[in-house]
Amino acid sequence: MKIEDKKSLAWIGDAILALYARKWILKQSSIQAKERASVFQSMTTNEFLSHWGEPTQVESRIGKIFEEDGFEKAMHYIEANLLPIVIKRQKQKKQPGRYQRKKPTG
């Protein structure tokens, strides 16, 4: 695959991932409105995507699924492959007694 084709598919895959993330976040009653942007960012950053490989490649895979198999298959791919890590991270953040560095006040 040519680099231009990979980048084009990644651009589409990025949009599909963003739509999935927003839809999923809005369905979560445990995510307050003020937290949405931060959760969205954590679901779509290159750091997050690097768990599955080079971020452009991951987005390109999503774009290719969308182009070849349609919107529903692309959304299912994200749900089956990326969402479990998002859920795991959300649960870890909400564990009682978990140490989190706090910003100094004053």
PDB file of N, CA and C in Angstrom:
ATOM      1  N   MET A   1       0.849  -1.175   0.000  1.00  0.00           N
ATOM      2  CA  MET A   1       0.000   0.000   0.000  1.00  0.00           C
ATOM      3  C   MET A   1       0.897   1.241   0.000  1.00  0.00           C
ATOM      4  N   LYS A   2       0.574   2.188  -0.864  1.00  0.00           N
ATOM      5  CA  LYS A   2       1.325   3.431  -0.926  1.00  0.00           C
ATOM      6  C   LYS A   2       1.051   4.257   0.324  1.00  0.00           C
ATOM      7  N   ILE A   3       2.042   5.058   0.705  1.00  0.00           N
ATOM      8  CA  ILE A   3       1.928   5.872   1.908  1.00  0.00           C
ATOM      9  C   ILE A   3       0.745   6.837   1.809  1.00  0.00           C
ATOM     10  N   GLU A   4       0.475   7.370   0.611  1.00  0.00           N
ATOM     11  CA  GLU A   4      -0.663   8.288   0.439  1.00  0.00           C
ATOM     12  C   GLU A   4      -1.981   7.566   0.712  1.00  0.00           C
ATOM     13  N   ASP A   5      -2.073   6.322   0.241  1.00  0.00           N
ATOM     14  CA  ASP A   5      -3.285   5.533   0.467  1.00  0.00           C
ATOM     15  C   ASP A   5      -3.463   5.223   1.949  1.00  0.00           C
ATOM     16  N   LYS A   6      -2.364   4.880   2.602  1.00  0.00           N
ATOM     17  CA  LYS A   6      -2.397   4.582   4.039  1.00  0.00           C
ATOM     18  C   LYS A   6      -2.846   5.813   4.825  1.00  0.00           C
ATOM     19  N   LYS A   7      -2.309   6.973   4.477  1.00  0.00           N
ATOM     20  CA  LYS A   7      -2.681   8.201   5.171  1.00  0.00           C
ATOM     21  C   LYS A   7      -4.139   8.576   4.913  1.00  0.00           C
ATOM     22  N   SER A   8      -4.606   8.349   3.693  1.00  0.00           N
ATOM     23  CA  SER A   8      -6.011   8.630   3.377  1.00  0.00           C
ATOM     24  C   SER A   8      -6.934   7.734   4.185  1.00  0.00           C
ATOM     25  N   LEU A   9      -6.612   6.462   4.249  1.00  0.00           N
ATOM     26  CA  LEU A   9      -7.423   5.534   5.048  1.00  0.00           C
ATOM     27  C   LEU A   9      -7.351   5.888   6.531  1.00  0.00           C
ATOM     28  N   ALA A  10      -6.174   6.312   6.983  1.00  0.00           N
ATOM     29  CA  ALA A  10      -6.016   6.703   8.387  1.00  0.00           C
ATOM     30  C   ALA A  10      -6.862   7.934   8.704  1.00  0.00           C
ATOM     31  N   TRP A  11      -6.967   8.834   7.775  1.00  0.00           N
ATOM     32  CA  TRP A  11      -7.770  10.035   7.981  1.00  0.00           C
ATOM     33  C   TRP A  11      -9.238   9.660   8.152  1.00  0.00           C
ATOM     34  N   ILE A  12      -9.702   8.728   7.331  1.00  0.00           N
ATOM     35  CA  ILE A  12     -11.073   8.221   7.461  1.00  0.00           C
ATOM     36  C   ILE A  12     -11.216   7.450   8.768  1.00  0.00           C
ATOM     37  N   GLY A  13     -10.251   6.591   9.073  1.00  0.00           N
ATOM     38  CA  GLY A  13     -10.291   5.799  10.306  1.00  0.00           C
ATOM     39  C   GLY A  13     -10.309   6.676  11.550  1.00  0.00           C
ATOM     40  N   ASP A  14      -9.579   7.770  11.514  1.00  0.00           N
ATOM     41  CA  ASP A  14      -9.562   8.714  12.624  1.00  0.00           C
ATOM     42  C   ASP A  14     -10.961   9.302  12.834  1.00  0.00           C
ATOM     43  N   ALA A  15     -11.636   9.636  11.751  1.00  0.00           N
ATOM     44  CA  ALA A  15     -12.994  10.193  11.848  1.00  0.00           C
ATOM     45  C   ALA A  15     -13.973   9.159  12.396  1.00  0.00           C
ATOM     46  N   ILE A  16     -13.855   7.920  11.957  1.00  0.00           N
ATOM     47  CA  ILE A  16     -14.735   6.853  12.448  1.00  0.00           C
ATOM     48  C   ILE A  16     -14.490   6.631  13.940  1.00  0.00           C
ATOM     49  N   LEU A  17     -13.221   6.587  14.343  1.00  0.00           N
ATOM     50  CA  LEU A  17     -12.883   6.413  15.754  1.00  0.00           C
ATOM     51  C   LEU A  17     -13.431   7.569  16.579  1.00  0.00           C
ATOM     52  N   ALA A  18     -13.302   8.791  16.092  1.00  0.00           N
ATOM     53  CA  ALA A  18     -13.811   9.959  16.813  1.00  0.00           C
ATOM     54  C   ALA A  18     -15.328   9.867  16.992  1.00  0.00           C
ATOM     55  N   LEU A  19     -16.029   9.470  15.955  1.00  0.00           N
ATOM     56  CA  LEU A  19     -17.482   9.332  16.052  1.00  0.00           C
ATOM     57  C   LEU A  19     -17.854   8.228  17.041  1.00  0.00           C
ATOM     58  N   TYR A  20     -17.159   7.102  16.955  1.00  0.00           N
ATOM     59  CA  TYR A  20     -17.423   6.012  17.899  1.00  0.00           C
ATOM     60  C   TYR A  20     -17.209   6.492  19.333  1.00  0.00           C
ATOM     61  N   ALA A  21     -16.083   7.146  19.575  1.00  0.00           N
ATOM     62  CA  ALA A  21     -15.752   7.611  20.928  1.00  0.00           C
ATOM     63  C   ALA A  21     -16.824   8.555  21.454  1.00  0.00           C
ATOM     64  N   ARG A  22     -17.248   9.496  20.641  1.00  0.00           N
ATOM     65  CA  ARG A  22     -18.262  10.456  21.086  1.00  0.00           C
ATOM     66  C   ARG A  22     -19.586   9.773  21.388  1.00  0.00           C
ATOM     67  N   LYS A  23     -19.996   8.873  20.504  1.00  0.00           N
ATOM     68  CA  LYS A  23     -21.252   8.152  20.737  1.00  0.00           C
ATOM     69  C   LYS A  23     -21.171   7.327  22.015  1.00  0.00           C
ATOM     70  N   TRP A  24     -20.059   6.631  22.211  1.00  0.00           N
ATOM     71  CA  TRP A  24     -19.893   5.786  23.391  1.00  0.00           C
ATOM     72  C   TRP A  24     -19.895   6.626  24.661  1.00  0.00           C
ATOM     73  N   ILE A  25     -19.160   7.726  24.650  1.00  0.00           N
ATOM     74  CA  ILE A  25     -19.081   8.597  25.820  1.00  0.00           C
ATOM     75  C   ILE A  25     -20.460   9.109  26.206  1.00  0.00           C
ATOM     76  N   LEU A  26     -21.246   9.528  25.236  1.00  0.00           N
ATOM     77  CA  LEU A  26     -22.584  10.062  25.530  1.00  0.00           C
ATOM     78  C   LEU A  26     -23.507   9.015  26.145  1.00  0.00           C
ATOM     79  N   LYS A  27     -23.264   7.748  25.877  1.00  0.00           N
ATOM     80  CA  LYS A  27     -24.090   6.666  26.448  1.00  0.00           C
ATOM     81  C   LYS A  27     -23.701   6.317  27.881  1.00  0.00           C
ATOM     82  N   GLN A  28     -22.539   6.792  28.342  1.00  0.00           N
ATOM     83  CA  GLN A  28     -22.025   6.419  29.658  1.00  0.00           C
ATOM     84  C   GLN A  28     -22.521   7.404  30.713  1.00  0.00           C
ATOM     85  N   SER A  29     -23.455   6.979  31.529  1.00  0.00           N
ATOM     86  CA  SER A  29     -23.980   7.863  32.571  1.00  0.00           C
ATOM     87  C   SER A  29     -22.923   8.168  33.635  1.00  0.00           C
ATOM     88  N   SER A  30     -21.902   7.349  33.726  1.00  0.00           N
ATOM     89  CA  SER A  30     -20.856   7.565  34.728  1.00  0.00           C
ATOM     90  C   SER A  30     -19.841   8.633  34.306  1.00  0.00           C
ATOM     91  N   ILE A  31     -19.900   9.055  33.056  1.00  0.00           N
ATOM     92  CA  ILE A  31     -18.983  10.090  32.576  1.00  0.00           C
ATOM     93  C   ILE A  31     -19.720  11.421  32.572  1.00  0.00           C
ATOM     94  N   GLN A  32     -19.288  12.303  33.448  1.00  0.00           N
ATOM     95  CA  GLN A  32     -19.925  13.608  33.555  1.00  0.00           C
ATOM     96  C   GLN A  32     -19.552  14.475  32.360  1.00  0.00           C
ATOM     97  N   ALA A  33     -20.411  15.448  32.062  1.00  0.00           N
ATOM     98  CA  ALA A  33     -20.191  16.327  30.913  1.00  0.00           C
ATOM     99  C   ALA A  33     -18.810  16.979  30.952  1.00  0.00           C
ATOM    100  N   LYS A  34     -18.371  17.375  32.124  1.00  0.00           N
ATOM    101  CA  LYS A  34     -17.068  18.048  32.234  1.00  0.00           C
ATOM    102  C   LYS A  34     -15.889  17.100  31.975  1.00  0.00           C
ATOM    103  N   GLU A  35     -16.126  15.787  32.033  1.00  0.00           N
ATOM    104  CA  GLU A  35     -15.075  14.795  31.807  1.00  0.00           C
ATOM    105  C   GLU A  35     -15.019  14.319  30.358  1.00  0.00           C
ATOM    106  N   ARG A  36     -16.017  14.643  29.568  1.00  0.00           N
ATOM    107  CA  ARG A  36     -16.130  14.090  28.212  1.00  0.00           C
ATOM    108  C   ARG A  36     -14.912  14.369  27.335  1.00  0.00           C
ATOM    109  N   ALA A  37     -14.446  15.591  27.345  1.00  0.00           N
ATOM    110  CA  ALA A  37     -13.304  15.937  26.479  1.00  0.00           C
ATOM    111  C   ALA A  37     -12.067  15.139  26.850  1.00  0.00           C
ATOM    112  N   SER A  38     -11.835  14.973  28.132  1.00  0.00           N
ATOM    113  CA  SER A  38     -10.654  14.229  28.555  1.00  0.00           C
ATOM    114  C   SER A  38     -10.768  12.740  28.215  1.00  0.00           C
ATOM    115  N   VAL A  39     -11.952  12.161  28.382  1.00  0.00           N
ATOM    116  CA  VAL A  39     -12.149  10.752  28.020  1.00  0.00           C
ATOM    117  C   VAL A  39     -12.011  10.591  26.505  1.00  0.00           C
ATOM    118  N   PHE A  40     -12.591  11.533  25.755  1.00  0.00           N
ATOM    119  CA  PHE A  40     -12.476  11.490  24.296  1.00  0.00           C
ATOM    120  C   PHE A  40     -11.011  11.508  23.880  1.00  0.00           C
ATOM    121  N   GLN A  41     -10.261  12.417  24.462  1.00  0.00           N
ATOM    122  CA  GLN A  41      -8.848  12.513  24.120  1.00  0.00           C
ATOM    123  C   GLN A  41      -8.112  11.214  24.448  1.00  0.00           C
ATOM    124  N   SER A  42      -8.421  10.636  25.600  1.00  0.00           N
ATOM    125  CA  SER A  42      -7.728   9.403  25.992  1.00  0.00           C
ATOM    126  C   SER A  42      -8.052   8.234  25.067  1.00  0.00           C
ATOM    127  N   MET A  43      -9.209   8.293  24.394  1.00  0.00           N
ATOM    128  CA  MET A  43      -9.613   7.219  23.482  1.00  0.00           C
ATOM    129  C   MET A  43      -9.068   7.392  22.071  1.00  0.00           C
ATOM    130  N   THR A  44      -8.562   8.574  21.754  1.00  0.00           N
ATOM    131  CA  THR A  44      -8.202   8.843  20.369  1.00  0.00           C
ATOM    132  C   THR A  44      -6.754   9.289  20.169  1.00  0.00           C
ATOM    133  N   THR A  45      -5.990   9.375  21.241  1.00  0.00           N
ATOM    134  CA  THR A  45      -4.605   9.846  21.108  1.00  0.00           C
ATOM    135  C   THR A  45      -3.713   8.790  20.466  1.00  0.00           C
ATOM    136  N   ASN A  46      -2.616   9.263  19.911  1.00  0.00           N
ATOM    137  CA  ASN A  46      -1.631   8.337  19.353  1.00  0.00           C
ATOM    138  C   ASN A  46      -1.056   7.435  20.436  1.00  0.00           C
ATOM    139  N   GLU A  47      -0.915   7.961  21.641  1.00  0.00           N
ATOM    140  CA  GLU A  47      -0.415   7.149  22.747  1.00  0.00           C
ATOM    141  C   GLU A  47      -1.333   5.943  22.984  1.00  0.00           C
ATOM    142  N   PHE A  48      -2.634   6.185  23.009  1.00  0.00           N
ATOM    143  CA  PHE A  48      -3.602   5.100  23.194  1.00  0.00           C
ATOM    144  C   PHE A  48      -3.536   4.116  22.030  1.00  0.00           C
ATOM    145  N   LEU A  49      -3.540   4.639  20.809  1.00  0.00           N
ATOM    146  CA  LEU A  49      -3.532   3.771  19.624  1.00  0.00           C
ATOM    147  C   LEU A  49      -2.249   2.955  19.517  1.00  0.00           C
ATOM    148  N   SER A  50      -1.171   3.438  20.102  1.00  0.00           N
ATOM    149  CA  SER A  50       0.099   2.718  20.016  1.00  0.00           C
ATOM    150  C   SER A  50       0.085   1.383  20.754  1.00  0.00           C
ATOM    151  N   HIS A  51      -0.955   1.116  21.550  1.00  0.00           N
ATOM    152  CA  HIS A  51      -1.094  -0.199  22.175  1.00  0.00           C
ATOM    153  C   HIS A  51      -1.296  -1.297  21.126  1.00  0.00           C
ATOM    154  N   TRP A  52      -1.788  -0.918  19.943  1.00  0.00           N
ATOM    155  CA  TRP A  52      -2.077  -1.887  18.890  1.00  0.00           C
ATOM    156  C   TRP A  52      -1.132  -1.774  17.717  1.00  0.00           C
ATOM    157  N   GLY A  53      -0.162  -0.876  17.799  1.00  0.00           N
ATOM    158  CA  GLY A  53       0.784  -0.697  16.706  1.00  0.00           C
ATOM    159  C   GLY A  53       0.993   0.772  16.413  1.00  0.00           C
ATOM    160  N   GLU A  54       1.598   1.052  15.286  1.00  0.00           N
ATOM    161  CA  GLU A  54       1.832   2.429  14.883  1.00  0.00           C
ATOM    162  C   GLU A  54       0.468   3.099  14.673  1.00  0.00           C
ATOM    163  N   PRO A  55       0.210   4.248  15.301  1.00  0.00           N
ATOM    164  CA  PRO A  55      -1.117   4.866  15.274  1.00  0.00           C
ATOM    165  C   PRO A  55      -1.719   5.058  13.878  1.00  0.00           C
ATOM    166  N   THR A  56      -0.905   5.504  12.917  1.00  0.00           N
ATOM    167  CA  THR A  56      -1.433   5.677  11.563  1.00  0.00           C
ATOM    168  C   THR A  56      -1.887   4.343  10.993  1.00  0.00           C
ATOM    169  N   GLN A  57      -1.172   3.287  11.304  1.00  0.00           N
ATOM    170  CA  GLN A  57      -1.546   1.947  10.827  1.00  0.00           C
ATOM    171  C   GLN A  57      -2.870   1.509  11.462  1.00  0.00           C
ATOM    172  N   VAL A  58      -3.042   1.783  12.749  1.00  0.00           N
ATOM    173  CA  VAL A  58      -4.279   1.403  13.445  1.00  0.00           C
ATOM    174  C   VAL A  58      -5.459   2.157  12.833  1.00  0.00           C
ATOM    175  N   GLU A  59      -5.303   3.457  12.643  1.00  0.00           N
ATOM    176  CA  GLU A  59      -6.381   4.250  12.030  1.00  0.00           C
ATOM    177  C   GLU A  59      -6.633   3.820  10.595  1.00  0.00           C
ATOM    178  N   SER A  60      -5.570   3.484   9.889  1.00  0.00           N
ATOM    179  CA  SER A  60      -5.694   3.007   8.516  1.00  0.00           C
ATOM    180  C   SER A  60      -6.497   1.707   8.460  1.00  0.00           C
ATOM    181  N   ARG A  61      -6.266   0.825   9.433  1.00  0.00           N
ATOM    182  CA  ARG A  61      -7.017  -0.433   9.500  1.00  0.00           C
ATOM    183  C   ARG A  61      -8.512  -0.155   9.676  1.00  0.00           C
ATOM    184  N   ILE A  62      -8.836   0.797  10.545  1.00  0.00           N
ATOM    185  CA  ILE A  62     -10.239   1.165  10.757  1.00  0.00           C
ATOM    186  C   ILE A  62     -10.827   1.736   9.469  1.00  0.00           C
ATOM    187  N   GLY A  63     -10.066   2.608   8.804  1.00  0.00           N
ATOM    188  CA  GLY A  63     -10.525   3.186   7.543  1.00  0.00           C
ATOM    189  C   GLY A  63     -10.732   2.152   6.465  1.00  0.00           C
ATOM    190  N   LYS A  64      -9.837   1.178   6.408  1.00  0.00           N
ATOM    191  CA  LYS A  64      -9.957   0.118   5.400  1.00  0.00           C
ATOM    192  C   LYS A  64     -11.197  -0.738   5.661  1.00  0.00           C
ATOM    193  N   ILE A  65     -11.443  -1.067   6.910  1.00  0.00           N
ATOM    194  CA  ILE A  65     -12.649  -1.835   7.246  1.00  0.00           C
ATOM    195  C   ILE A  65     -13.884  -1.043   6.834  1.00  0.00           C
ATOM    196  N   PHE A  66     -13.889   0.251   7.125  1.00  0.00           N
ATOM    197  CA  PHE A  66     -15.013   1.097   6.734  1.00  0.00           C
ATOM    198  C   PHE A  66     -15.208   1.089   5.219  1.00  0.00           C
ATOM    199  N   GLU A  67     -14.129   1.276   4.481  1.00  0.00           N
ATOM    200  CA  GLU A  67     -14.214   1.321   3.019  1.00  0.00           C
ATOM    201  C   GLU A  67     -14.664  -0.012   2.414  1.00  0.00           C
ATOM    202  N   GLU A  68     -14.181  -1.114   2.966  1.00  0.00           N
ATOM    203  CA  GLU A  68     -14.473  -2.425   2.392  1.00  0.00           C
ATOM    204  C   GLU A  68     -15.767  -3.056   2.912  1.00  0.00           C
ATOM    205  N   ASP A  69     -16.054  -2.841   4.210  1.00  0.00           N
ATOM    206  CA  ASP A  69     -17.169  -3.556   4.834  1.00  0.00           C
ATOM    207  C   ASP A  69     -18.254  -2.665   5.404  1.00  0.00           C
ATOM    208  N   GLY A  70     -18.016  -1.364   5.447  1.00  0.00           N
ATOM    209  CA  GLY A  70     -19.046  -0.449   5.894  1.00  0.00           C
ATOM    210  C   GLY A  70     -18.887   0.036   7.324  1.00  0.00           C
ATOM    211  N   PHE A  71     -19.754   0.969   7.636  1.00  0.00           N
ATOM    212  CA  PHE A  71     -19.738   1.669   8.916  1.00  0.00           C
ATOM    213  C   PHE A  71     -19.903   0.724  10.107  1.00  0.00           C
ATOM    214  N   GLU A  72     -20.896  -0.142  10.055  1.00  0.00           N
ATOM    215  CA  GLU A  72     -21.170  -1.044  11.188  1.00  0.00           C
ATOM    216  C   GLU A  72     -19.991  -1.955  11.503  1.00  0.00           C
ATOM    217  N   LYS A  73     -19.350  -2.476  10.480  1.00  0.00           N
ATOM    218  CA  LYS A  73     -18.184  -3.355  10.710  1.00  0.00           C
ATOM    219  C   LYS A  73     -17.023  -2.570  11.327  1.00  0.00           C
ATOM    220  N   ALA A  74     -16.837  -1.343  10.881  1.00  0.00           N
ATOM    221  CA  ALA A  74     -15.771  -0.521  11.455  1.00  0.00           C
ATOM    222  C   ALA A  74     -16.055  -0.223  12.927  1.00  0.00           C
ATOM    223  N   MET A  75     -17.305   0.099  13.232  1.00  0.00           N
ATOM    224  CA  MET A  75     -17.681   0.363  14.622  1.00  0.00           C
ATOM    225  C   MET A  75     -17.515  -0.902  15.467  1.00  0.00           C
ATOM    226  N   HIS A  76     -17.894  -2.042  14.913  1.00  0.00           N
ATOM    227  CA  HIS A  76     -17.737  -3.307  15.633  1.00  0.00           C
ATOM    228  C   HIS A  76     -16.261  -3.601  15.891  1.00  0.00           C
ATOM    229  N   TYR A  77     -15.410  -3.321  14.928  1.00  0.00           N
ATOM    230  CA  TYR A  77     -13.973  -3.538  15.107  1.00  0.00           C
ATOM    231  C   TYR A  77     -13.450  -2.715  16.289  1.00  0.00           C
ATOM    232  N   ILE A  78     -13.853  -1.455  16.345  1.00  0.00           N
ATOM    233  CA  ILE A  78     -13.414  -0.584  17.446  1.00  0.00           C
ATOM    234  C   ILE A  78     -13.934  -1.125  18.771  1.00  0.00           C
ATOM    235  N   GLU A  79     -15.198  -1.505  18.789  1.00  0.00           N
ATOM    236  CA  GLU A  79     -15.809  -2.016  20.021  1.00  0.00           C
ATOM    237  C   GLU A  79     -15.123  -3.294  20.497  1.00  0.00           C
ATOM    238  N   ALA A  80     -14.792  -4.168  19.589  1.00  0.00           N
ATOM    239  CA  ALA A  80     -14.191  -5.445  19.957  1.00  0.00           C
ATOM    240  C   ALA A  80     -12.705  -5.330  20.309  1.00  0.00           C
ATOM    241  N   ASN A  81     -12.012  -4.397  19.684  1.00  0.00           N
ATOM    242  CA  ASN A  81     -10.566  -4.354  19.841  1.00  0.00           C
ATOM    243  C   ASN A  81     -10.031  -3.217  20.698  1.00  0.00           C
ATOM    244  N   LEU A  82     -10.620  -2.043  20.615  1.00  0.00           N
ATOM    245  CA  LEU A  82     -10.094  -0.900  21.342  1.00  0.00           C
ATOM    246  C   LEU A  82     -10.860  -0.612  22.628  1.00  0.00           C
ATOM    247  N   LEU A  83     -12.160  -0.793  22.600  1.00  0.00           N
ATOM    248  CA  LEU A  83     -12.992  -0.453  23.749  1.00  0.00           C
ATOM    249  C   LEU A  83     -12.620  -1.196  25.030  1.00  0.00           C
ATOM    250  N   PRO A  84     -12.247  -2.477  24.994  1.00  0.00           N
ATOM    251  CA  PRO A  84     -11.900  -3.151  26.260  1.00  0.00           C
ATOM    252  C   PRO A  84     -10.809  -2.434  27.067  1.00  0.00           C
ATOM    253  N   ILE A  85      -9.840  -1.843  26.396  1.00  0.00           N
ATOM    254  CA  ILE A  85      -8.789  -1.110  27.103  1.00  0.00           C
ATOM    255  C   ILE A  85      -9.357   0.185  27.696  1.00  0.00           C
ATOM    256  N   VAL A  86     -10.246   0.843  26.980  1.00  0.00           N
ATOM    257  CA  VAL A  86     -10.885   2.062  27.490  1.00  0.00           C
ATOM    258  C   VAL A  86     -11.644   1.747  28.768  1.00  0.00           C
ATOM    259  N   ILE A  87     -12.423   0.684  28.740  1.00  0.00           N
ATOM    260  CA  ILE A  87     -13.218   0.287  29.908  1.00  0.00           C
ATOM    261  C   ILE A  87     -12.305  -0.067  31.074  1.00  0.00           C
ATOM    262  N   LYS A  88     -11.249  -0.789  30.801  1.00  0.00           N
ATOM    263  CA  LYS A  88     -10.299  -1.161  31.848  1.00  0.00           C
ATOM    264  C   LYS A  88      -9.701   0.091  32.494  1.00  0.00           C
ATOM    265  N   ARG A  89      -9.319   1.057  31.682  1.00  0.00           N
ATOM    266  CA  ARG A  89      -8.749   2.298  32.210  1.00  0.00           C
ATOM    267  C   ARG A  89      -9.767   3.075  33.034  1.00  0.00           C
ATOM    268  N   GLN A  90     -11.006   3.111  32.582  1.00  0.00           N
ATOM    269  CA  GLN A  90     -12.057   3.822  33.314  1.00  0.00           C
ATOM    270  C   GLN A  90     -12.263   3.191  34.693  1.00  0.00           C
ATOM    271  N   LYS A  91     -12.267   1.876  34.757  1.00  0.00           N
ATOM    272  CA  LYS A  91     -12.443   1.180  36.035  1.00  0.00           C
ATOM    273  C   LYS A  91     -11.274   1.462  36.968  1.00  0.00           C
ATOM    274  N   GLN A  92     -10.062   1.481  36.434  1.00  0.00           N
ATOM    275  CA  GLN A  92      -8.882   1.749  37.258  1.00  0.00           C
ATOM    276  C   GLN A  92      -8.926   3.149  37.852  1.00  0.00           C
ATOM    277  N   LYS A  93      -9.419   4.108  37.098  1.00  0.00           N
ATOM    278  CA  LYS A  93      -9.491   5.482  37.593  1.00  0.00           C
ATOM    279  C   LYS A  93     -10.497   5.626  38.723  1.00  0.00           C
ATOM    280  N   LYS A  94     -11.490   4.763  38.759  1.00  0.00           N
ATOM    281  CA  LYS A  94     -12.559   4.899  39.742  1.00  0.00           C
ATOM    282  C   LYS A  94     -12.383   4.006  40.966  1.00  0.00           C
ATOM    283  N   GLN A  95     -11.259   3.312  41.061  1.00  0.00           N
ATOM    284  CA  GLN A  95     -11.033   2.441  42.215  1.00  0.00           C
ATOM    285  C   GLN A  95     -10.817   3.274  43.474  1.00  0.00           C
ATOM    286  N   PRO A  96     -11.533   2.964  44.544  1.00  0.00           N
ATOM    287  CA  PRO A  96     -11.339   3.709  45.789  1.00  0.00           C
ATOM    288  C   PRO A  96      -9.946   3.449  46.363  1.00  0.00           C
ATOM    289  N   GLY A  97      -9.386   4.482  46.942  1.00  0.00           N
ATOM    290  CA  GLY A  97      -8.082   4.334  47.567  1.00  0.00           C
ATOM    291  C   GLY A  97      -6.928   4.358  46.585  1.00  0.00           C
ATOM    292  N   ARG A  98      -7.216   4.514  45.325  1.00  0.00           N
ATOM    293  CA  ARG A  98      -6.153   4.551  44.324  1.00  0.00           C
ATOM    294  C   ARG A  98      -5.402   5.868  44.446  1.00  0.00           C
ATOM    295  N   TYR A  99      -4.085   5.794  44.531  1.00  0.00           N
ATOM    296  CA  TYR A  99      -3.262   6.986  44.659  1.00  0.00           C
ATOM    297  C   TYR A  99      -3.246   7.728  43.334  1.00  0.00           C
ATOM    298  N   GLN A 100      -3.570   8.981  43.387  1.00  0.00           N
ATOM    299  CA  GLN A 100      -3.454   9.829  42.209  1.00  0.00           C
ATOM    300  C   GLN A 100      -2.745  11.103  42.638  1.00  0.00           C
ATOM    301  N   ARG A 101      -1.758  11.468  41.894  1.00  0.00           N
ATOM    302  CA  ARG A 101      -1.010  12.687  42.212  1.00  0.00           C
ATOM    303  C   ARG A 101      -1.933  13.879  42.057  1.00  0.00           C
ATOM    304  N   LYS A 102      -1.975  14.688  43.088  1.00  0.00           N
ATOM    305  CA  LYS A 102      -2.822  15.873  43.066  1.00  0.00           C
ATOM    306  C   LYS A 102      -1.952  17.100  42.844  1.00  0.00           C
ATOM    307  N   LYS A 103      -2.518  18.069  42.135  1.00  0.00           N
ATOM    308  CA  LYS A 103      -1.807  19.318  41.913  1.00  0.00           C
ATOM    309  C   LYS A 103      -1.772  20.101  43.217  1.00  0.00           C
ATOM    310  N   PRO A 104      -0.640  20.672  43.541  1.00  0.00           N
ATOM    311  CA  PRO A 104      -0.569  21.470  44.767  1.00  0.00           C
ATOM    312  C   PRO A 104      -1.466  22.692  44.649  1.00  0.00           C
ATOM    313  N   THR A 105      -2.117  23.041  45.731  1.00  0.00           N
ATOM    314  CA  THR A 105      -2.959  24.223  45.742  1.00  0.00           C
ATOM    315  C   THR A 105      -2.208  25.373  46.372  1.00  0.00           C
ATOM    316  N   GLY A 106      -2.559  26.554  45.949  1.00  0.00           N
ATOM    317  CA  GLY A 106      -1.974  27.724  46.600  1.00  0.00           C
ATOM    318  C   GLY A 106      -1.053  28.447  45.798  1.00  0.00           C
TER     319      GLY A 106
END
